[in-house]
Amino acid sequence: MYTPQVFAIGEVQECIRLVRSESFGILCSPVGGRPFATHLPMLLSEDGTTLMGHIATANPQWRELDGAEVLAIFQGPHSYISPAWYEEPVDAPTWNYIAVHVYGNCRIVADEGELHAILGETLRFYEPESPLLADERLLRGMAARATGFVIAVSSIEGKAKGSQNKTIATRRSVIEHLRQSPDYQASATADWMERLLSQDDQNG
């Protein structure tokens, strides 16, 4: 991912937090010699070393996943930024966004017990009190149509593009304009920009 230093997320734990909160990602790998991507939920371990999930067995991507180096992409808030909001000479329009890329080697889960554990952990992550967790018939039905995978994470890189290359006045102006938008993504982007601004203030 192209990441100028000013936009790099320096703390790996910050990347991990974003992936765990924005866990519906895109799994990218070659299929038949061409780029292929599947949108699906994936769970990153708290220490950031393992990413796991399951894919429909009808999806051809899993057949070439075992032993493959893969990329998983996770997107946070994002929004269009107008140069009309700047408190400085007019610049070009841009887009502010948060994204994390996770790289690693993938292993297809062959053990039925491990697949059931992945399915159960996924349910528990999204529905901690769900009665579905005790429904063995449901889990067996899910397992019959799913292929589990585990990715040994080799690297994580994050980018938070929040107008850090602009003046403080411009950053505050952009935040103010984003908060006026009815788009929930704009509001969430403003929240991230506030955090980045606060961190910069603390760091002097």
C-alpha atoms as a PDB file:
ATOM      1  CA  MET A   1       0.000   0.000   0.000  1.00  0.00           C
ATOM      2  CA  TYR A   2       1.387   3.411  -0.934  1.00  0.00           C
ATOM      3  CA  THR A   3       1.726   5.194   2.411  1.00  0.00           C
ATOM      4  CA  PRO A   4       3.565   8.503   2.824  1.00  0.00           C
ATOM      5  CA  GLN A   5       5.085   8.604   6.305  1.00  0.00           C
ATOM      6  CA  VAL A   6       2.760  11.379   7.461  1.00  0.00           C
ATOM      7  CA  PHE A   7      -0.235   9.054   6.945  1.00  0.00           C
ATOM      8  CA  ALA A   8       1.285   5.830   8.322  1.00  0.00           C
ATOM      9  CA  ILE A   9      -0.296   4.235  11.392  1.00  0.00           C
ATOM     10  CA  GLY A  10       2.801   3.659  13.470  1.00  0.00           C
ATOM     11  CA  GLU A  11       1.253   1.554  16.226  1.00  0.00           C
ATOM     12  CA  VAL A  12       0.462  -2.052  15.274  1.00  0.00           C
ATOM     13  CA  GLN A  13      -2.079  -2.221  18.099  1.00  0.00           C
ATOM     14  CA  GLU A  14      -4.003   0.607  16.420  1.00  0.00           C
ATOM     15  CA  CYS A  15      -4.139  -1.469  13.225  1.00  0.00           C
ATOM     16  CA  ILE A  16      -5.299  -4.506  15.191  1.00  0.00           C
ATOM     17  CA  ARG A  17      -8.063  -2.500  16.863  1.00  0.00           C
ATOM     18  CA  LEU A  18      -9.303  -1.259  13.491  1.00  0.00           C
ATOM     19  CA  VAL A  19      -9.342  -4.752  11.958  1.00  0.00           C
ATOM     20  CA  ARG A  20     -11.224  -6.177  14.938  1.00  0.00           C
ATOM     21  CA  SER A  21     -13.793  -3.358  14.799  1.00  0.00           C
ATOM     22  CA  GLU A  22     -14.085  -3.353  10.972  1.00  0.00           C
ATOM     23  CA  SER A  23     -13.804  -7.109  10.546  1.00  0.00           C
ATOM     24  CA  PHE A  24     -15.696  -7.440   7.259  1.00  0.00           C
ATOM     25  CA  GLY A  25     -12.805  -7.380   4.814  1.00  0.00           C
ATOM     26  CA  ILE A  26     -11.623  -8.445   1.381  1.00  0.00           C
ATOM     27  CA  LEU A  27      -9.486 -11.554   0.944  1.00  0.00           C
ATOM     28  CA  CYS A  28      -7.250 -11.293  -2.141  1.00  0.00           C
ATOM     29  CA  SER A  29      -5.315 -14.113  -3.799  1.00  0.00           C
ATOM     30  CA  PRO A  30      -4.669 -15.478  -7.308  1.00  0.00           C
ATOM     31  CA  VAL A  31      -7.188 -17.890  -8.827  1.00  0.00           C
ATOM     32  CA  GLY A  32      -6.294 -19.404 -12.161  1.00  0.00           C
ATOM     33  CA  GLY A  33      -3.456 -16.909 -12.527  1.00  0.00           C
ATOM     34  CA  ARG A  34      -5.747 -13.890 -12.131  1.00  0.00           C
ATOM     35  CA  PRO A  35      -6.431 -11.607  -9.134  1.00  0.00           C
ATOM     36  CA  PHE A  36      -9.481 -12.760  -7.161  1.00  0.00           C
ATOM     37  CA  ALA A  37     -11.217 -11.254  -4.133  1.00  0.00           C
ATOM     38  CA  THR A  38     -13.926 -12.345  -1.724  1.00  0.00           C
ATOM     39  CA  HIS A  39     -15.754 -10.080   0.723  1.00  0.00           C
ATOM     40  CA  LEU A  40     -16.163 -11.831   4.061  1.00  0.00           C
ATOM     41  CA  PRO A  41     -15.760 -11.485   7.827  1.00  0.00           C
ATOM     42  CA  MET A  42     -12.351 -12.411   9.234  1.00  0.00           C
ATOM     43  CA  LEU A  43     -11.249 -12.486  12.859  1.00  0.00           C
ATOM     44  CA  LEU A  44      -7.812 -11.176  13.816  1.00  0.00           C
ATOM     45  CA  SER A  45      -6.349 -12.464  17.072  1.00  0.00           C
ATOM     46  CA  GLU A  46      -5.745  -9.886  19.798  1.00  0.00           C
ATOM     47  CA  ASP A  47      -1.986 -10.189  19.349  1.00  0.00           C
ATOM     48  CA  GLY A  48      -2.278  -9.752  15.574  1.00  0.00           C
ATOM     49  CA  THR A  49      -0.538 -13.020  14.684  1.00  0.00           C
ATOM     50  CA  THR A  50      -3.460 -14.993  13.239  1.00  0.00           C
ATOM     51  CA  LEU A  51      -6.357 -14.154  10.944  1.00  0.00           C
ATOM     52  CA  MET A  52      -9.072 -16.751  10.491  1.00  0.00           C
ATOM     53  CA  GLY A  53     -12.371 -17.172   8.722  1.00  0.00           C
ATOM     54  CA  HIS A  54     -14.403 -19.388   6.464  1.00  0.00           C
ATOM     55  CA  ILE A  55     -15.368 -19.260   2.819  1.00  0.00           C
ATOM     56  CA  ALA A  56     -18.211 -20.918   0.913  1.00  0.00           C
ATOM     57  CA  THR A  57     -17.063 -24.253  -0.445  1.00  0.00           C
ATOM     58  CA  ALA A  58     -18.771 -23.329  -3.731  1.00  0.00           C
ATOM     59  CA  ASN A  59     -16.325 -20.395  -4.034  1.00  0.00           C
ATOM     60  CA  PRO A  60     -13.330 -21.456  -6.189  1.00  0.00           C
ATOM     61  CA  GLN A  61     -10.914 -19.211  -4.291  1.00  0.00           C
ATOM     62  CA  TRP A  62     -10.354 -21.678  -1.444  1.00  0.00           C
ATOM     63  CA  ARG A  63      -8.965 -24.334  -3.815  1.00  0.00           C
ATOM     64  CA  GLU A  64      -5.797 -22.271  -4.343  1.00  0.00           C
ATOM     65  CA  LEU A  65      -5.479 -20.811  -0.843  1.00  0.00           C
ATOM     66  CA  ASP A  66      -3.537 -23.557   0.910  1.00  0.00           C
ATOM     67  CA  GLY A  67       0.081 -22.419   1.199  1.00  0.00           C
ATOM     68  CA  ALA A  68      -0.583 -19.191  -0.717  1.00  0.00           C
ATOM     69  CA  GLU A  69       0.558 -15.734   0.319  1.00  0.00           C
ATOM     70  CA  VAL A  70      -2.590 -13.632   0.645  1.00  0.00           C
ATOM     71  CA  LEU A  71      -3.662 -10.068   1.320  1.00  0.00           C
ATOM     72  CA  ALA A  72      -6.646  -9.143   3.475  1.00  0.00           C
ATOM     73  CA  ILE A  73      -7.913  -5.553   3.237  1.00  0.00           C
ATOM     74  CA  PHE A  74      -9.951  -3.805   5.919  1.00  0.00           C
ATOM     75  CA  GLN A  75     -11.555  -0.405   5.356  1.00  0.00           C
ATOM     76  CA  GLY A  76     -12.448   2.096   8.049  1.00  0.00           C
ATOM     77  CA  PRO A  77     -14.344   5.386   7.650  1.00  0.00           C
ATOM     78  CA  HIS A  78     -13.757   7.399   4.490  1.00  0.00           C
ATOM     79  CA  SER A  79     -15.078  10.577   2.915  1.00  0.00           C
ATOM     80  CA  TYR A  80     -14.634  13.052   0.057  1.00  0.00           C
ATOM     81  CA  ILE A  81     -12.767  16.207   1.054  1.00  0.00           C
ATOM     82  CA  SER A  82     -13.418  19.477  -0.794  1.00  0.00           C
ATOM     83  CA  PRO A  83     -10.616  22.057  -1.111  1.00  0.00           C
ATOM     84  CA  ALA A  84     -13.321  24.691  -0.566  1.00  0.00           C
ATOM     85  CA  TRP A  85     -13.104  23.744   3.123  1.00  0.00           C
ATOM     86  CA  TYR A  86      -9.408  24.634   3.386  1.00  0.00           C
ATOM     87  CA  GLU A  87      -8.132  27.643   5.339  1.00  0.00           C
ATOM     88  CA  GLU A  88      -5.239  28.046   2.885  1.00  0.00           C
ATOM     89  CA  PRO A  89      -4.660  28.444  -0.877  1.00  0.00           C
ATOM     90  CA  VAL A  90      -6.971  26.268  -2.922  1.00  0.00           C
ATOM     91  CA  ASP A  91      -5.707  22.736  -3.474  1.00  0.00           C
ATOM     92  CA  ALA A  92      -7.115  19.684  -5.278  1.00  0.00           C
ATOM     93  CA  PRO A  93     -10.040  17.619  -3.978  1.00  0.00           C
ATOM     94  CA  THR A  94      -9.028  14.461  -2.137  1.00  0.00           C
ATOM     95  CA  TRP A  95     -10.376  11.559  -0.118  1.00  0.00           C
ATOM     96  CA  ASN A  96      -9.617  10.883   3.540  1.00  0.00           C
ATOM     97  CA  TYR A  97      -9.730   7.277   4.712  1.00  0.00           C
ATOM     98  CA  ILE A  98      -8.519   4.619   7.106  1.00  0.00           C
ATOM     99  CA  ALA A  99      -7.301   1.252   5.795  1.00  0.00           C
ATOM    100  CA  VAL A 100      -5.303  -1.713   7.054  1.00  0.00           C
ATOM    101  CA  HIS A 101      -3.618  -4.390   4.923  1.00  0.00           C
ATOM    102  CA  VAL A 102      -2.807  -7.762   6.481  1.00  0.00           C
ATOM    103  CA  TYR A 103      -0.362 -10.099   4.728  1.00  0.00           C
ATOM    104  CA  GLY A 104       0.356 -13.718   5.498  1.00  0.00           C
ATOM    105  CA  ASN A 105       0.489 -17.356   4.484  1.00  0.00           C
ATOM    106  CA  CYS A 106      -2.824 -19.171   4.322  1.00  0.00           C
ATOM    107  CA  ARG A 107      -3.627 -22.684   5.496  1.00  0.00           C
ATOM    108  CA  ILE A 108      -6.849 -24.484   4.594  1.00  0.00           C
ATOM    109  CA  VAL A 109      -8.443 -26.150   7.612  1.00  0.00           C
ATOM    110  CA  ALA A 110      -8.828 -29.886   7.030  1.00  0.00           C
ATOM    111  CA  ASP A 111      -9.785 -30.876  10.573  1.00  0.00           C
ATOM    112  CA  GLU A 112     -13.548 -30.879  11.202  1.00  0.00           C
ATOM    113  CA  GLY A 113     -13.106 -29.949  14.857  1.00  0.00           C
ATOM    114  CA  GLU A 114     -10.992 -26.910  13.950  1.00  0.00           C
ATOM    115  CA  LEU A 115     -13.566 -25.799  11.379  1.00  0.00           C
ATOM    116  CA  HIS A 116     -16.337 -26.066  13.991  1.00  0.00           C
ATOM    117  CA  ALA A 117     -14.184 -23.986  16.354  1.00  0.00           C
ATOM    118  CA  ILE A 118     -13.757 -21.259  13.712  1.00  0.00           C
ATOM    119  CA  LEU A 119     -17.497 -21.182  13.017  1.00  0.00           C
ATOM    120  CA  GLY A 120     -18.278 -21.075  16.732  1.00  0.00           C
ATOM    121  CA  GLU A 121     -15.730 -18.325  17.368  1.00  0.00           C
ATOM    122  CA  THR A 122     -17.204 -16.275  14.525  1.00  0.00           C
ATOM    123  CA  LEU A 123     -20.714 -16.604  15.963  1.00  0.00           C
ATOM    124  CA  ARG A 124     -19.397 -15.743  19.433  1.00  0.00           C
ATOM    125  CA  PHE A 125     -17.616 -12.647  18.115  1.00  0.00           C
ATOM    126  CA  TYR A 126     -20.747 -11.193  16.511  1.00  0.00           C
ATOM    127  CA  GLU A 127     -23.400 -12.663  18.827  1.00  0.00           C
ATOM    128  CA  PRO A 128     -21.818 -13.288  22.248  1.00  0.00           C
ATOM    129  CA  GLU A 129     -25.113 -14.342  23.850  1.00  0.00           C
ATOM    130  CA  SER A 130     -26.542 -16.126  20.818  1.00  0.00           C
ATOM    131  CA  PRO A 131     -28.541 -19.332  21.379  1.00  0.00           C
ATOM    132  CA  LEU A 132     -27.127 -20.480  18.032  1.00  0.00           C
ATOM    133  CA  LEU A 133     -23.883 -21.363  19.794  1.00  0.00           C
ATOM    134  CA  ALA A 134     -25.598 -24.344  21.410  1.00  0.00           C
ATOM    135  CA  ASP A 135     -27.218 -25.521  18.172  1.00  0.00           C
ATOM    136  CA  GLU A 136     -24.970 -28.367  17.002  1.00  0.00           C
ATOM    137  CA  ARG A 137     -27.236 -29.079  14.056  1.00  0.00           C
ATOM    138  CA  LEU A 138     -26.778 -25.501  12.811  1.00  0.00           C
ATOM    139  CA  LEU A 139     -22.993 -25.698  13.157  1.00  0.00           C
ATOM    140  CA  ARG A 140     -22.901 -29.001  11.283  1.00  0.00           C
ATOM    141  CA  GLY A 141     -25.030 -27.502   8.504  1.00  0.00           C
ATOM    142  CA  MET A 142     -22.724 -24.483   8.271  1.00  0.00           C
ATOM    143  CA  ALA A 143     -19.641 -26.709   8.247  1.00  0.00           C
ATOM    144  CA  ALA A 144     -21.049 -28.755   5.358  1.00  0.00           C
ATOM    145  CA  ARG A 145     -21.077 -25.658   3.150  1.00  0.00           C
ATOM    146  CA  ALA A 146     -17.947 -23.885   4.385  1.00  0.00           C
ATOM    147  CA  THR A 147     -14.176 -24.230   4.160  1.00  0.00           C
ATOM    148  CA  GLY A 148     -12.142 -22.785   6.998  1.00  0.00           C
ATOM    149  CA  PHE A 149      -8.820 -21.012   6.658  1.00  0.00           C
ATOM    150  CA  VAL A 150      -6.141 -19.670   8.994  1.00  0.00           C
ATOM    151  CA  ILE A 151      -3.622 -17.017   7.952  1.00  0.00           C
ATOM    152  CA  ALA A 152      -0.286 -16.775   9.759  1.00  0.00           C
ATOM    153  CA  VAL A 153       0.205 -13.010   9.682  1.00  0.00           C
ATOM    154  CA  SER A 154       3.590 -11.880   8.374  1.00  0.00           C
ATOM    155  CA  SER A 155       2.966  -8.120   8.373  1.00  0.00           C
ATOM    156  CA  ILE A 156       0.311  -5.498   9.048  1.00  0.00           C
ATOM    157  CA  GLU A 157       0.356  -2.002   7.620  1.00  0.00           C
ATOM    158  CA  GLY A 158      -2.106   0.781   8.221  1.00  0.00           C
ATOM    159  CA  LYS A 159      -2.851   4.135   6.660  1.00  0.00           C
ATOM    160  CA  ALA A 160      -4.876   6.934   8.228  1.00  0.00           C
ATOM    161  CA  LYS A 161      -5.158   9.767   5.725  1.00  0.00           C
ATOM    162  CA  GLY A 162      -6.711  12.563   7.756  1.00  0.00           C
ATOM    163  CA  SER A 163      -5.294  15.802   6.289  1.00  0.00           C
ATOM    164  CA  GLN A 164      -2.187  15.576   8.495  1.00  0.00           C
ATOM    165  CA  ASN A 165      -0.244  17.340   5.728  1.00  0.00           C
ATOM    166  CA  LYS A 166      -2.428  20.435   6.168  1.00  0.00           C
ATOM    167  CA  THR A 167      -2.371  23.208   8.751  1.00  0.00           C
ATOM    168  CA  ILE A 168      -4.190  22.800  12.069  1.00  0.00           C
ATOM    169  CA  ALA A 169      -6.705  25.430  10.976  1.00  0.00           C
ATOM    170  CA  THR A 170      -7.470  23.533   7.774  1.00  0.00           C
ATOM    171  CA  ARG A 171      -7.799  20.238   9.624  1.00  0.00           C
ATOM    172  CA  ARG A 172     -10.290  21.779  12.029  1.00  0.00           C
ATOM    173  CA  SER A 173     -12.218  23.322   9.143  1.00  0.00           C
ATOM    174  CA  VAL A 174     -12.420  19.966   7.354  1.00  0.00           C
ATOM    175  CA  ILE A 175     -13.670  18.293  10.537  1.00  0.00           C
ATOM    176  CA  GLU A 176     -16.341  20.973  10.950  1.00  0.00           C
ATOM    177  CA  HIS A 177     -17.586  20.535   7.376  1.00  0.00           C
ATOM    178  CA  LEU A 178     -17.618  16.745   7.676  1.00  0.00           C
ATOM    179  CA  ARG A 179     -19.781  17.021  10.789  1.00  0.00           C
ATOM    180  CA  GLN A 180     -22.338  19.013   8.808  1.00  0.00           C
ATOM    181  CA  SER A 181     -22.802  16.165   6.338  1.00  0.00           C
ATOM    182  CA  PRO A 182     -25.750  13.746   6.740  1.00  0.00           C
ATOM    183  CA  ASP A 183     -23.463  10.906   5.580  1.00  0.00           C
ATOM    184  CA  TYR A 184     -22.517   8.649   8.501  1.00  0.00           C
ATOM    185  CA  GLN A 185     -19.129   7.964   6.857  1.00  0.00           C
ATOM    186  CA  ALA A 186     -18.338  11.684   6.923  1.00  0.00           C
ATOM    187  CA  SER A 187     -19.161  11.876  10.622  1.00  0.00           C
ATOM    188  CA  ALA A 188     -17.051   8.800  11.385  1.00  0.00           C
ATOM    189  CA  THR A 189     -14.170  10.269   9.353  1.00  0.00           C
ATOM    190  CA  ALA A 190     -14.438  13.465  11.407  1.00  0.00           C
ATOM    191  CA  ASP A 191     -14.178  11.393  14.602  1.00  0.00           C
ATOM    192  CA  TRP A 192     -10.964   9.773  13.321  1.00  0.00           C
ATOM    193  CA  MET A 193      -9.551  13.141  12.292  1.00  0.00           C
ATOM    194  CA  GLU A 194     -10.267  14.477  15.806  1.00  0.00           C
ATOM    195  CA  ARG A 195      -8.330  11.559  17.289  1.00  0.00           C
ATOM    196  CA  LEU A 196      -5.391  12.137  14.947  1.00  0.00           C
ATOM    197  CA  LEU A 197      -5.397  15.847  15.755  1.00  0.00           C
ATOM    198  CA  SER A 198      -5.499  15.119  19.473  1.00  0.00           C
ATOM    199  CA  GLN A 199      -2.572  12.696  19.143  1.00  0.00           C
ATOM    200  CA  ASP A 200      -0.552  15.306  17.255  1.00  0.00           C
ATOM    201  CA  ASP A 201      -1.313  17.889  19.968  1.00  0.00           C
ATOM    202  CA  GLN A 202      -0.120  15.459  22.674  1.00  0.00           C
ATOM    203  CA  ASN A 203       3.046  14.707  20.744  1.00  0.00           C
ATOM    204  CA  GLY A 204       3.812  18.396  20.543  1.00  0.00           C
END
